[in-house]
N, C-alpha and C. Protein backbone atom coordinates (compact mmCIF):
# COMPACT_ATOMS: atom_id res chain seq x y z
N MET A 1 6.40 14.25 -6.70
CA MET A 1 6.07 15.11 -7.33
C MET A 1 4.70 16.14 -6.60
N LEU A 2 3.84 15.74 -5.76
CA LEU A 2 3.01 16.58 -5.15
C LEU A 2 3.75 17.56 -4.09
N ILE A 3 4.93 17.34 -3.43
CA ILE A 3 5.80 18.27 -2.96
C ILE A 3 6.15 19.35 -4.01
N GLY A 4 6.81 19.07 -4.70
CA GLY A 4 7.21 19.54 -6.13
C GLY A 4 6.32 20.64 -6.52
N LEU A 5 4.85 20.31 -6.55
CA LEU A 5 3.80 20.87 -6.95
C LEU A 5 3.57 21.95 -6.04
N LYS A 6 3.68 21.53 -5.10
CA LYS A 6 3.35 22.53 -3.61
C LYS A 6 4.16 23.68 -3.48
N GLU A 7 5.40 23.27 -3.57
CA GLU A 7 6.35 24.16 -3.39
C GLU A 7 6.87 25.06 -4.44
N TYR A 8 6.99 24.50 -5.66
CA TYR A 8 7.58 25.47 -6.82
C TYR A 8 6.62 25.59 -7.56
N ARG A 9 5.33 25.27 -7.82
CA ARG A 9 4.36 25.57 -8.77
C ARG A 9 3.30 26.25 -7.85
N SER A 10 3.18 26.69 -6.68
CA SER A 10 2.15 26.92 -5.99
C SER A 10 0.92 26.81 -6.14
N THR A 11 0.65 24.87 -6.09
CA THR A 11 -0.20 24.05 -6.47
C THR A 11 -0.31 23.52 -5.22
N PRO A 12 -1.12 23.94 -4.28
CA PRO A 12 -1.41 22.96 -2.83
C PRO A 12 -2.18 21.91 -2.91
N ALA A 13 -3.22 21.66 -4.08
CA ALA A 13 -3.89 20.22 -4.41
C ALA A 13 -3.84 20.01 -5.70
N ILE A 14 -3.66 18.73 -5.72
CA ILE A 14 -3.87 18.16 -7.34
C ILE A 14 -5.19 17.33 -7.36
N THR A 15 -5.19 17.20 -8.74
CA THR A 15 -6.46 16.43 -9.16
C THR A 15 -5.90 15.21 -10.21
N VAL A 16 -6.89 14.42 -10.42
CA VAL A 16 -6.33 13.37 -11.32
C VAL A 16 -5.88 13.93 -12.57
N ASP A 17 -6.38 15.02 -13.03
CA ASP A 17 -5.51 15.66 -14.03
C ASP A 17 -4.45 16.05 -14.29
N HIS A 18 -3.99 16.60 -12.98
CA HIS A 18 -2.39 16.45 -12.65
C HIS A 18 -1.54 15.11 -13.03
N VAL A 19 -2.23 14.38 -12.64
CA VAL A 19 -1.46 12.97 -12.30
C VAL A 19 -1.67 12.41 -14.06
N PHE A 20 -2.88 12.59 -14.59
CA PHE A 20 -2.79 12.28 -16.47
C PHE A 20 -1.68 13.25 -17.05
N SER A 21 -1.44 14.44 -16.68
CA SER A 21 -0.50 15.41 -17.42
C SER A 21 0.76 14.91 -17.05
N ALA A 22 1.11 14.29 -15.61
CA ALA A 22 2.46 13.82 -15.27
C ALA A 22 2.65 12.47 -16.05
N TYR A 23 2.02 11.86 -16.18
CA TYR A 23 1.91 10.61 -17.22
C TYR A 23 2.26 10.89 -18.50
N LYS A 24 1.56 11.66 -19.23
CA LYS A 24 1.78 12.25 -20.42
C LYS A 24 3.23 12.80 -20.91
N ALA A 25 3.80 13.88 -19.88
CA ALA A 25 4.64 14.18 -19.60
C ALA A 25 6.05 13.10 -19.86
N LEU A 26 6.07 12.22 -19.21
CA LEU A 26 6.77 11.01 -19.17
C LEU A 26 6.97 10.25 -20.09
N GLY A 27 5.73 10.34 -21.02
CA GLY A 27 5.67 9.54 -22.13
C GLY A 27 5.09 7.95 -21.89
N TRP A 28 4.31 7.73 -20.33
CA TRP A 28 3.96 6.67 -20.06
C TRP A 28 2.48 6.86 -20.82
N THR A 29 1.97 5.51 -21.32
CA THR A 29 0.90 5.33 -21.97
C THR A 29 -0.37 4.53 -21.35
N ASP A 30 0.25 3.88 -20.19
CA ASP A 30 -0.94 2.87 -19.44
C ASP A 30 -1.43 3.58 -18.14
N PHE A 31 -2.14 4.66 -18.49
CA PHE A 31 -2.78 5.46 -17.51
C PHE A 31 -3.66 4.42 -16.80
N PRO A 32 -3.95 4.16 -15.82
CA PRO A 32 -5.18 3.35 -15.28
C PRO A 32 -6.57 3.89 -15.30
N LYS A 33 -7.32 2.71 -15.06
CA LYS A 33 -8.77 3.03 -15.45
C LYS A 33 -9.27 4.07 -14.45
N PHE A 34 -8.84 3.73 -13.41
CA PHE A 34 -9.28 4.10 -12.02
C PHE A 34 -8.40 4.90 -11.38
N ALA A 35 -7.70 6.00 -12.00
CA ALA A 35 -6.42 6.84 -11.62
C ALA A 35 -6.66 7.35 -10.27
N VAL A 36 -8.05 7.68 -9.72
CA VAL A 36 -8.12 8.46 -8.74
C VAL A 36 -8.04 7.48 -7.51
N GLY A 37 -8.36 6.28 -7.71
CA GLY A 37 -8.40 5.42 -6.57
C GLY A 37 -6.80 5.64 -5.80
N PRO A 38 -5.73 5.69 -6.00
CA PRO A 38 -4.74 5.76 -5.13
C PRO A 38 -4.64 7.05 -4.33
N LEU A 39 -5.30 8.37 -5.22
CA LEU A 39 -5.31 9.47 -4.39
C LEU A 39 -6.27 9.34 -3.24
N GLN A 40 -7.45 8.46 -3.49
CA GLN A 40 -8.46 8.37 -2.48
C GLN A 40 -8.02 7.21 -1.46
N ASP A 41 -7.02 6.17 -1.57
CA ASP A 41 -6.41 5.50 -0.73
C ASP A 41 -5.63 6.53 0.17
N LEU A 42 -4.84 7.05 -0.12
CA LEU A 42 -3.88 8.06 0.43
C LEU A 42 -4.60 9.26 1.64
N LYS A 43 -5.81 9.38 1.13
CA LYS A 43 -6.67 10.07 2.01
C LYS A 43 -7.48 9.26 3.15
N HIS A 44 -7.87 8.22 2.84
CA HIS A 44 -8.84 7.61 3.39
C HIS A 44 -8.46 6.25 4.23
N GLN A 45 -7.42 5.69 3.75
CA GLN A 45 -7.23 4.40 4.46
C GLN A 45 -6.30 4.65 5.65
N GLN A 46 -6.74 4.13 6.77
CA GLN A 46 -6.11 4.49 7.78
C GLN A 46 -4.58 4.18 8.01
N LYS A 47 -4.23 3.18 7.20
CA LYS A 47 -2.61 3.11 7.29
C LYS A 47 -1.64 4.07 6.70
N TYR A 48 -2.15 5.08 5.89
CA TYR A 48 -1.61 5.90 4.90
C TYR A 48 -2.40 7.45 5.68
N LYS A 49 -3.27 8.32 5.03
CA LYS A 49 -3.61 9.23 5.77
C LYS A 49 -2.75 10.34 5.33
N TRP A 50 -2.11 10.20 4.48
CA TRP A 50 -0.95 10.91 3.71
C TRP A 50 -1.46 12.28 3.14
N MET A 51 -2.69 12.41 2.85
CA MET A 51 -3.67 13.44 1.86
C MET A 51 -4.68 13.83 2.57
N ALA A 52 -5.20 15.16 2.19
CA ALA A 52 -6.37 15.59 2.59
C ALA A 52 -7.28 16.22 1.74
N GLY A 53 -8.22 16.43 2.01
CA GLY A 53 -9.14 16.72 0.48
C GLY A 53 -8.54 18.65 0.40
N GLY A 54 -8.74 18.72 -1.00
CA GLY A 54 -8.51 20.07 -1.31
C GLY A 54 -9.77 21.00 -1.19
N ALA A 55 -9.49 22.09 -1.52
CA ALA A 55 -10.58 23.37 -1.56
C ALA A 55 -11.94 23.20 -2.10
N LYS A 56 -11.68 22.45 -2.97
CA LYS A 56 -12.75 21.56 -4.00
C LYS A 56 -12.73 20.28 -4.48
N GLY A 57 -14.21 19.70 -4.65
CA GLY A 57 -14.39 18.66 -4.80
C GLY A 57 -13.57 17.72 -5.70
N GLY A 58 -12.86 16.61 -5.70
CA GLY A 58 -11.73 16.04 -6.46
C GLY A 58 -10.31 16.67 -6.44
N GLU A 59 -10.16 17.34 -5.30
CA GLU A 59 -8.86 18.03 -5.11
C GLU A 59 -7.84 17.01 -4.11
N TYR A 60 -6.91 16.89 -3.87
CA TYR A 60 -6.27 15.97 -2.80
C TYR A 60 -4.87 17.14 -2.49
N ALA A 61 -4.68 17.33 -1.30
CA ALA A 61 -3.69 18.00 -0.85
C ALA A 61 -2.62 17.21 -0.12
N ILE A 62 -1.33 17.07 -0.02
CA ILE A 62 -0.38 16.62 0.81
C ILE A 62 -0.65 16.88 1.97
N ASN A 63 -0.64 16.16 3.19
CA ASN A 63 -0.57 16.60 4.83
C ASN A 63 0.77 16.71 5.31
N GLY A 64 1.05 17.24 6.13
CA GLY A 64 2.62 17.29 6.93
C GLY A 64 2.95 15.72 7.18
N TYR A 65 2.00 14.76 7.46
CA TYR A 65 2.45 13.55 7.54
C TYR A 65 2.78 12.76 6.54
N GLY A 66 2.09 13.24 5.39
CA GLY A 66 2.75 12.60 4.03
C GLY A 66 3.70 13.28 3.40
N GLU A 67 4.08 14.39 3.64
CA GLU A 67 5.32 15.22 3.65
C GLU A 67 6.77 14.54 4.26
N GLN A 68 6.37 14.04 5.47
CA GLN A 68 7.31 13.26 6.27
C GLN A 68 7.74 11.89 5.66
N GLU A 69 6.59 11.49 5.19
CA GLU A 69 6.88 10.09 4.49
C GLU A 69 7.87 10.33 3.26
N VAL A 70 7.55 11.17 2.52
CA VAL A 70 8.19 11.31 1.47
C VAL A 70 9.69 11.73 1.44
N LEU A 71 9.79 12.67 2.71
CA LEU A 71 11.38 12.88 2.89
C LEU A 71 12.00 11.92 3.27
N LYS A 72 11.71 11.19 3.93
CA LYS A 72 11.97 9.58 4.59
C LYS A 72 12.57 8.93 3.28
N TRP A 73 11.87 8.64 2.26
CA TRP A 73 12.31 8.23 1.00
C TRP A 73 13.14 8.56 0.56
N HIS A 74 13.39 9.92 0.39
CA HIS A 74 14.14 10.59 -0.23
C HIS A 74 15.89 10.49 0.49
N LYS A 75 15.70 10.53 1.89
CA LYS A 75 17.04 10.06 2.41
C LYS A 75 17.71 8.35 2.10
N LYS A 76 16.67 7.83 2.03
CA LYS A 76 16.97 6.44 1.68
C LYS A 76 17.36 6.20 0.47
N ALA A 77 17.11 7.11 -0.36
CA ALA A 77 17.66 7.01 -2.02
C ALA A 77 19.09 7.25 -2.22
């Protein structure tokens, strides 16, 4: 989702609102109460660091390391 938004929709950073919209589009109804948690983990936890802060507060942008990890998943699939 992150790379697709970045490359095809000219959206370099996402917010929890993007995640909510994705849940709705997929018909999922179990939106987590603290949905920003995984985004924060991908930015701050040492074992990930796949995201950086966006230009505004509450925005998250995938970085080069995160993009490499996603591409690894695609190769395995």
